[in-house]
Protein backbone atom coordinates (compact mmCIF):
# COMPACT_ATOMS: atom_id res chain seq x y z
CA MET A 1 -22.69 -4.38 21.70
CA MET A 2 -19.80 -6.75 22.04
CA LEU A 3 -18.20 -7.29 18.37
CA PRO A 4 -16.85 -10.93 17.42
CA LEU A 5 -13.34 -11.51 18.01
CA ARG A 6 -12.69 -12.48 14.34
CA ILE A 7 -14.00 -8.53 13.49
CA LYS A 8 -11.91 -7.16 16.32
CA VAL A 9 -8.74 -8.95 14.98
CA LEU A 10 -9.51 -7.81 11.45
CA LEU A 11 -10.34 -4.06 12.62
CA ALA A 12 -7.15 -4.18 14.34
CA GLY A 13 -5.16 -4.54 11.26
CA PHE A 14 -8.09 -2.06 9.69
CA PHE A 15 -6.93 0.66 11.97
CA SER A 16 -3.29 -0.29 11.68
CA GLN A 17 -3.56 0.33 7.98
CA LEU A 18 -5.30 3.88 8.80
CA LEU A 19 -2.34 4.74 10.84
CA CYS A 20 0.74 3.36 9.53
CA LEU A 21 -0.39 3.71 5.67
CA GLY A 22 -2.94 6.42 5.53
CA ILE A 23 -1.27 8.73 7.74
CA ALA A 24 2.18 7.90 8.38
CA ARG A 25 2.94 6.95 4.77
CA PHE A 26 0.10 8.47 2.49
CA ALA A 27 -0.35 12.01 4.20
CA TYR A 28 2.67 13.02 2.59
CA THR A 29 1.16 13.08 -0.83
CA PRO A 30 -1.72 15.49 -0.60
CA LEU A 31 0.71 17.57 1.85
CA LEU A 32 3.52 17.62 -0.75
CA PRO A 33 2.36 20.60 -2.94
CA LEU A 34 1.50 22.73 0.10
CA MET A 35 5.38 21.78 1.41
CA GLN A 36 6.35 22.90 -2.04
CA GLN A 37 4.76 26.35 -1.74
CA HIS A 38 6.30 27.02 1.80
CA THR A 39 9.68 25.25 1.91
CA ALA A 40 12.61 24.38 -0.50
CA LEU A 41 11.29 21.16 -1.71
CA ASP A 42 10.83 20.79 -5.38
CA ASP A 43 9.84 17.71 -7.81
CA ALA A 44 13.16 15.94 -7.37
CA SER A 45 13.48 16.16 -3.93
CA GLY A 46 10.03 15.56 -3.08
CA GLY A 47 10.56 12.20 -5.20
CA TYR A 48 13.77 11.74 -3.14
CA LEU A 49 11.95 11.98 -0.16
CA ALA A 50 9.21 9.33 -1.48
CA ALA A 51 12.13 7.24 -2.59
CA VAL A 52 13.62 7.17 1.26
CA ASN A 53 9.99 6.24 2.43
CA TYR A 54 10.03 3.31 0.23
CA LEU A 55 13.40 2.37 1.16
CA GLY A 56 12.36 2.15 4.63
CA TYR A 57 9.26 0.22 3.52
CA MET A 58 11.89 -2.49 1.73
CA THR A 59 13.83 -2.51 4.62
CA GLY A 60 10.97 -3.51 7.02
CA ALA A 61 9.92 -6.17 4.21
CA LEU A 62 13.45 -7.73 4.62
CA LEU A 63 13.22 -7.99 8.19
CA ALA A 64 9.69 -9.51 7.86
CA ALA A 65 10.76 -12.04 5.62
CA ARG A 66 13.38 -13.23 8.03
CA LEU A 67 11.05 -13.42 10.82
CA SER A 68 9.53 -16.77 11.95
CA ASN A 69 8.94 -15.98 15.85
CA LEU A 70 5.53 -15.16 16.39
CA THR A 71 6.19 -13.23 19.60
CA VAL A 72 8.78 -10.92 17.79
CA LYS A 73 6.56 -10.21 14.85
CA ASP A 74 3.79 -9.18 17.78
CA ARG A 75 6.24 -6.90 19.40
CA LEU A 76 7.91 -5.40 16.04
CA TYR A 77 3.87 -5.01 14.87
CA ARG A 78 3.45 -2.75 18.28
CA ALA A 79 6.65 -1.01 17.83
CA GLY A 80 5.52 0.14 14.35
CA LEU A 81 2.40 1.67 15.73
CA LEU A 82 4.63 3.87 17.98
CA ILE A 83 7.11 4.70 15.41
CA ALA A 84 4.05 5.74 12.87
CA VAL A 85 3.02 8.32 15.35
CA ILE A 86 6.46 9.71 16.11
CA SER A 87 7.73 9.91 12.46
CA THR A 88 4.62 11.70 11.62
CA VAL A 89 5.07 14.40 14.36
CA GLY A 90 8.77 14.80 13.52
CA MET A 91 7.86 15.94 10.08
CA ALA A 92 6.42 19.04 11.37
CA PHE A 93 9.23 20.04 13.47
CA THR A 94 12.05 20.59 10.71
CA GLU A 95 12.90 21.84 7.09
CA ASN A 96 16.09 19.88 6.71
CA LEU A 97 16.05 17.46 3.74
CA TYR A 98 18.03 15.17 5.75
CA LEU A 99 16.00 15.11 8.74
CA TRP A 100 13.03 14.59 6.78
CA SER A 101 14.37 11.76 5.26
CA PHE A 102 15.32 10.16 8.58
CA TRP A 103 11.43 10.80 9.23
CA ARG A 104 10.23 9.37 6.27
CA PHE A 105 12.44 6.03 6.22
CA LEU A 106 10.84 5.61 9.77
CA ALA A 107 7.53 5.89 8.49
CA GLY A 108 7.98 3.31 5.90
CA LEU A 109 9.47 1.12 8.24
CA SER A 110 6.26 1.44 10.18
CA SER A 111 4.16 0.76 7.17
CA ALA A 112 6.05 -2.69 6.42
CA GLY A 113 4.85 -3.72 10.08
CA SER A 114 1.42 -3.33 9.29
CA MET A 115 1.14 -4.41 5.54
CA LEU A 116 3.18 -7.52 6.34
CA ILE A 117 3.74 -8.09 9.98
CA ALA A 118 -0.10 -7.46 11.01
CA SER A 119 -1.03 -9.31 7.94
CA ALA A 120 1.16 -12.58 8.77
CA LEU A 121 -0.25 -12.23 12.28
CA ILE A 122 -3.73 -12.03 11.41
CA MET A 123 -3.61 -14.75 8.73
CA HIS A 124 -2.21 -17.07 11.25
CA TRP A 125 -4.79 -16.26 13.80
CA LEU A 126 -7.72 -16.76 11.01
CA ILE A 127 -6.09 -19.96 9.96
CA SER A 128 -5.45 -21.29 13.68
CA HIS A 129 -9.28 -20.46 14.30
CA GLN A 130 -10.49 -21.80 11.42
CA HIS A 131 -11.95 -18.89 9.43
CA ARG A 132 -11.54 -17.86 5.91
CA ALA A 133 -7.94 -16.52 5.12
CA GLU A 134 -9.01 -13.57 3.50
CA LEU A 135 -7.80 -9.94 4.47
CA GLY A 136 -10.21 -7.74 2.71
CA VAL A 137 -11.35 -5.99 5.84
CA HIS A 138 -7.64 -5.55 6.67
CA PHE A 139 -6.66 -3.95 3.43
CA ALA A 140 -9.50 -1.71 3.37
CA GLY A 141 -8.05 0.36 5.99
CA LEU A 142 -5.53 1.04 3.23
CA GLY A 143 -7.84 2.86 1.04
CA LEU A 144 -9.76 4.47 3.52
CA GLY A 145 -6.61 5.85 5.15
CA ILE A 146 -5.40 7.61 1.66
CA ALA A 147 -9.16 9.06 1.63
CA LEU A 148 -8.73 10.03 5.52
CA ALA A 149 -5.41 11.70 4.69
CA ALA A 150 -6.71 13.61 1.68
CA PHE A 151 -9.95 14.67 3.06
CA LEU A 152 -8.14 16.10 6.12
CA VAL A 153 -5.51 17.95 4.22
CA GLU A 154 -8.22 19.51 2.05
CA SER A 155 -10.34 20.50 5.41
CA MET A 156 -7.17 21.81 6.99
CA ALA A 157 -6.37 23.78 4.25
CA ARG A 158 -9.76 25.40 4.01
CA LEU A 159 -9.32 26.50 7.72
CA GLN A 160 -5.65 27.80 6.17
CA LEU A 161 -3.71 25.61 8.61
CA ASP A 162 -0.25 25.60 8.06
CA TRP A 163 1.56 22.28 6.78
CA GLN A 164 3.41 21.85 10.37
CA LEU A 165 0.22 22.35 12.14
CA GLN A 166 -1.29 19.57 9.72
CA TRP A 167 1.43 17.11 10.47
CA GLN A 168 0.92 17.63 14.24
CA LEU A 169 -2.80 17.03 14.05
CA PHE A 170 -2.07 14.03 11.83
CA ALA A 171 -0.01 12.53 14.63
CA LEU A 172 -2.76 13.22 17.41
CA LEU A 173 -5.08 11.51 15.09
CA GLY A 174 -2.62 8.46 14.82
CA LEU A 175 -2.18 8.23 18.56
CA LEU A 176 -5.97 7.70 18.81
CA LEU A 177 -5.88 5.05 15.88
CA ALA A 178 -3.04 3.27 17.45
CA ILE A 179 -5.22 2.29 20.61
CA PRO A 180 -7.71 -0.13 18.95
CA ALA A 181 -4.74 -1.37 16.36
CA TRP A 182 -2.89 -2.29 19.57
CA ARG A 183 -5.85 -3.60 21.99
CA TRP A 184 -7.54 -5.78 19.67
CA LEU A 185 -4.83 -7.82 17.97
CA PRO A 186 -4.58 -10.81 20.47
CA LYS A 187 -1.03 -11.90 21.57
CA PRO A 188 -0.21 -14.97 19.19
CA VAL A 189 -0.53 -18.26 20.71
CA PHE A 190 0.55 -21.58 19.05
CA SER A 191 -2.00 -23.64 17.84
CA PRO A 192 -1.94 -27.25 16.80
CA VAL A 193 -4.49 -26.58 14.32
CA SER A 194 -1.78 -24.71 12.14
CA ASN A 195 -0.08 -28.12 11.62
CA THR A 196 -3.21 -29.90 10.13
CA SER A 197 -2.96 -30.85 6.35
CA ALA A 198 -5.46 -28.05 5.62
CA SER A 199 -2.84 -25.68 6.61
CA ALA A 200 -0.01 -27.32 4.91
CA ASP A 201 2.64 -25.07 3.07
CA ARG A 202 2.47 -25.44 -0.80
CA PRO A 203 5.79 -24.12 -2.20
CA PRO A 204 5.47 -22.79 -5.41
CA THR A 205 7.99 -23.48 -8.38
CA LYS A 206 11.11 -21.69 -8.76
CA ARG A 207 9.81 -20.32 -12.23
CA PHE A 208 6.38 -19.21 -10.48
CA LEU A 209 8.24 -17.49 -7.78
CA ARG A 210 10.65 -15.56 -10.58
CA LEU A 211 7.95 -14.53 -12.72
CA LEU A 212 5.44 -13.32 -9.76
CA LEU A 213 8.34 -11.55 -8.16
CA LEU A 214 9.08 -9.44 -11.50
CA SER A 215 5.33 -9.29 -12.12
CA TYR A 216 5.03 -7.48 -8.55
CA PHE A 217 7.92 -5.38 -9.14
CA CYS A 218 6.42 -4.19 -12.31
CA ALA A 219 2.96 -3.46 -10.48
CA GLY A 220 4.92 -1.54 -7.62
CA TYR A 221 6.45 0.60 -10.37
CA GLY A 222 3.13 1.95 -11.52
CA TYR A 223 1.35 2.21 -8.30
CA VAL A 224 4.02 4.38 -6.71
CA ILE A 225 3.89 7.18 -9.25
CA SER A 226 0.21 7.62 -9.02
CA ALA A 227 0.23 7.18 -5.27
CA THR A 228 3.02 9.69 -5.03
CA PHE A 229 2.60 12.48 -7.35
CA ILE A 230 -1.37 12.14 -8.35
CA VAL A 231 -2.15 15.24 -6.28
CA THR A 232 0.67 17.31 -7.99
CA ILE A 233 -0.19 16.14 -11.53
CA VAL A 234 -3.95 17.12 -11.18
CA GLU A 235 -3.05 20.38 -9.69
CA ARG A 236 -0.82 21.33 -12.43
CA MET A 237 -3.36 20.24 -15.05
CA PRO A 238 -5.20 23.06 -16.91
CA GLY A 239 -8.39 24.27 -15.47
CA LEU A 240 -8.00 21.40 -12.63
CA ALA A 241 -5.99 23.21 -10.04
CA GLY A 242 -7.72 22.79 -6.44
CA SER A 243 -8.92 19.47 -7.58
CA GLY A 244 -5.92 17.29 -6.64
CA ASN A 245 -7.04 16.48 -3.18
CA ILE A 246 -10.48 15.56 -4.31
CA SER A 247 -8.70 12.87 -6.56
CA PHE A 248 -6.75 11.49 -3.92
CA ILE A 249 -10.04 11.29 -1.73
CA ILE A 250 -11.83 9.40 -4.66
CA LEU A 251 -8.94 7.17 -5.09
CA GLY A 252 -8.84 6.15 -1.46
CA LEU A 253 -12.58 5.81 -1.38
CA ALA A 254 -12.75 3.57 -4.33
CA GLY A 255 -10.14 1.32 -2.67
CA ALA A 256 -11.88 0.40 0.52
CA PRO A 257 -14.91 -1.57 -0.92
CA ALA A 258 -12.90 -2.68 -3.72
CA VAL A 259 -11.04 -5.00 -1.68
CA LEU A 260 -13.69 -6.87 -0.51
CA LEU A 261 -15.27 -7.15 -4.05
CA TRP A 262 -12.02 -8.61 -5.36
CA ASP A 263 -12.06 -11.28 -2.77
CA ARG A 264 -15.24 -12.28 -4.26
CA VAL A 265 -13.97 -12.26 -7.76
CA ALA A 266 -10.80 -14.18 -6.62
CA ARG A 267 -13.15 -16.69 -5.25
CA LYS A 268 -14.94 -17.16 -8.94
CA THR A 269 -11.91 -16.97 -10.97
CA GLY A 270 -8.96 -17.81 -9.11
CA TYR A 271 -6.37 -15.39 -7.94
CA LEU A 272 -4.16 -15.27 -10.77
CA THR A 273 -7.00 -14.28 -13.07
CA ALA A 274 -8.09 -11.68 -10.64
CA ILE A 275 -4.87 -10.15 -10.39
CA ILE A 276 -4.30 -9.89 -14.12
CA PHE A 277 -7.85 -8.29 -14.77
CA ALA A 278 -6.88 -5.86 -11.94
CA LEU A 279 -3.44 -4.77 -13.80
CA TRP A 280 -4.97 -4.31 -17.16
CA LEU A 281 -7.47 -1.89 -15.47
CA GLN A 282 -4.67 -0.31 -13.52
CA ALA A 283 -2.60 0.44 -16.47
CA LEU A 284 -5.60 2.02 -18.15
CA ALA A 285 -6.22 4.20 -14.90
CA ILE A 286 -2.82 5.53 -15.24
CA LEU A 287 -3.22 6.61 -19.02
CA LEU A 288 -6.60 8.10 -18.74
CA PRO A 289 -5.35 11.46 -17.35
CA LEU A 290 -2.72 11.84 -20.23
CA TRP A 291 -5.39 11.24 -22.80
CA PHE A 292 -8.25 13.62 -21.41
CA ASN A 293 -7.92 16.70 -19.54
CA ASN A 294 -11.30 16.64 -18.06
CA LEU A 295 -12.17 16.49 -14.31
CA ALA A 296 -14.75 13.68 -14.68
CA VAL A 297 -12.37 11.59 -16.52
CA VAL A 298 -9.55 12.26 -13.78
CA LEU A 299 -11.87 11.41 -11.04
CA ALA A 300 -12.89 8.14 -12.87
CA SER A 301 -9.31 7.51 -13.22
CA ALA A 302 -8.63 8.03 -9.76
CA ALA A 303 -11.54 5.76 -8.58
CA LEU A 304 -10.54 2.94 -11.12
CA PHE A 305 -6.63 3.22 -9.77
CA GLY A 306 -7.62 3.00 -6.15
CA ALA A 307 -9.90 0.10 -6.70
CA THR A 308 -7.02 -1.81 -8.56
CA PHE A 309 -3.74 -1.04 -6.85
CA VAL A 310 -5.29 -1.88 -3.43
CA ALA A 311 -6.59 -5.30 -5.25
CA VAL A 312 -3.38 -6.45 -6.49
CA VAL A 313 -1.67 -6.05 -3.13
CA SER A 314 -4.40 -7.52 -1.08
CA LEU A 315 -4.66 -10.64 -3.67
CA VAL A 316 -1.07 -11.13 -4.08
CA LEU A 317 -0.33 -10.99 -0.38
CA THR A 318 -3.29 -13.08 0.36
CA MET A 319 -2.07 -15.76 -2.04
CA ALA A 320 1.20 -15.84 -0.40
CA GLY A 321 -0.31 -16.35 2.68
CA ARG A 322 -2.24 -19.34 1.40
CA LEU A 323 0.87 -20.80 -0.08
CA TYR A 324 2.99 -20.58 3.08
CA PRO A 325 0.14 -20.66 6.01
CA SER A 326 2.56 -21.73 8.86
CA LYS A 327 4.94 -18.66 7.61
CA PRO A 328 3.04 -16.24 5.48
CA ALA A 329 5.36 -13.40 6.17
CA LYS A 330 8.17 -15.27 4.66
CA LEU A 331 6.73 -15.12 1.03
CA MET A 332 4.95 -11.87 1.90
CA GLY A 333 8.34 -10.23 2.48
CA LYS A 334 9.90 -11.47 -0.55
CA MET A 335 7.02 -10.15 -2.72
CA THR A 336 7.08 -6.55 -0.97
CA LEU A 337 10.75 -6.40 -1.29
CA ALA A 338 9.89 -6.67 -5.30
CA TYR A 339 7.18 -4.21 -4.97
CA GLY A 340 9.20 -1.80 -2.67
CA SER A 341 12.43 -2.06 -5.10
CA ALA A 342 10.45 -0.37 -7.82
CA GLN A 343 9.02 1.91 -5.19
CA VAL A 344 12.34 3.08 -4.38
CA ILE A 345 13.47 3.67 -8.10
CA ALA A 346 10.36 4.83 -9.50
CA PRO A 347 9.70 7.93 -7.64
CA ALA A 348 13.12 9.39 -7.71
CA LEU A 349 13.32 8.72 -11.48
CA THR A 350 9.95 10.46 -12.25
CA GLY A 351 10.67 13.36 -9.89
CA TYR A 352 14.00 14.00 -11.77
CA LEU A 353 12.23 13.73 -15.48
CA ALA A 354 9.68 15.92 -14.16
CA GLN A 355 12.18 18.60 -13.02
CA LEU A 356 14.01 18.17 -16.09
CA THR A 357 11.22 18.20 -18.68
CA GLY A 358 8.57 20.24 -16.52
CA TYR A 359 5.84 17.53 -17.33
CA PHE A 360 4.94 14.06 -15.69
CA SER A 361 3.95 12.16 -18.90
CA ILE A 362 7.02 10.35 -19.32
CA GLY A 363 6.93 8.89 -15.90
CA LEU A 364 3.23 8.32 -16.33
CA TYR A 365 3.86 6.43 -19.76
CA LEU A 366 6.63 4.43 -18.06
CA ALA A 367 4.43 3.44 -15.09
CA ALA A 368 1.56 2.07 -17.49
CA GLY A 369 4.05 0.06 -19.41
CA PHE A 370 5.39 -1.63 -16.59
CA VAL A 371 1.81 -2.40 -15.20
CA ALA A 372 0.86 -3.97 -18.46
CA PHE A 373 4.00 -5.99 -18.51
CA GLY A 374 3.28 -6.97 -15.25
CA ALA A 375 0.15 -8.52 -16.46
CA LEU A 376 1.48 -10.14 -19.49
CA LEU A 377 3.60 -12.20 -16.95
CA ILE A 378 1.06 -13.13 -14.86
CA THR A 379 -1.05 -14.56 -17.92
CA LEU A 380 1.96 -16.12 -18.89
CA LEU A 381 2.28 -17.97 -15.63
CA LYS A 382 -1.51 -18.91 -15.48
CA PHE A 383 -1.33 -20.63 -18.88
CA THR A 384 1.90 -22.65 -18.43
CA ASP A 385 2.93 -23.12 -14.82
CA ARG A 386 1.45 -26.11 -12.38
CA THR A 387 1.32 -23.90 -9.22
CA ALA A 388 -0.53 -21.01 -11.20
CA GLN A 389 -2.94 -23.90 -12.47
CA GLN A 390 -3.41 -25.37 -8.97
CA LEU A 391 -3.96 -21.91 -7.18
CA ASP A 392 -6.85 -20.93 -9.69
CA ASN A 393 -8.47 -24.37 -9.04
CA THR A 394 -8.61 -23.81 -5.30
């Protein structure tokens, strides 16, 4: 059965997310405890590698924000698919921290291609072909990619495969995922539809942009702590050893359908209201493991976190695309720079505090506080800014 072109375009983004985010970026999280057992990696250096990865992501976001030529974007998107595979296999053939840093930086660079450049290309194609400008299917690949990475690490651990072979097998799978991600995204073609009033840019006020960027920075800080350390945190909780990868699988599985649900919520409530709700729930999800040392609560927390952090990313980047349909990557890039800046700072700081104190508690409280503050900023925007009120009424 032939798939409709719209579905194939969205699935191209979906598979790019599985590769560039699920494998190249997030396989590191469930593999980190195993790598720490068999290499010289400790909490501080593990956090450092995560920070370098996010620095690569931020560099890619900066590049995406400067691009306007669709042909160049398309070429960089495809280059990102190859870089994702190469950086994954590269992790298997060294134990040198500086070489690992190089590969993690490249992996971060490739993930920006999937998150931003692919999002912009898909958004442009949807608008040009008069389809609803929603990216839920595209971002579902992020949640499923996380679940896939954790499931595979858990399965390979049961087979007693070492961490190096696991990275190699991830690279092989990534190569297979790159095929539909490459083939199903059409080469961009200029369409006069993109110049119609239906897709005219609606630049936000400067105040709106400043507060939104600050809020998204806060969301990025909160997100990266759990995304980087959740497996390690759960593994160290009394009575929960062996449950870390399960929590990461639940986190990813909850994120995949949630983005489609949050698209529907945003249609009814408006984007900002949906983001506020998601941020408060995300803050709660971060705090729950600190309050209850119980497997059921930890898994519920992981599910809630997965369902909300993916939603925030999807809603914010979709909103950016709606504000700038003619050049969605421009605002998407700025937003991701804010998100990525937090992701460079937070894991390094949290890893250092964990190394110093022996616990992740301080880092988790900080993360929840940042997310809650981000929700307050969006609430302030919703009730005091003209752009915000217009967005919630469309």
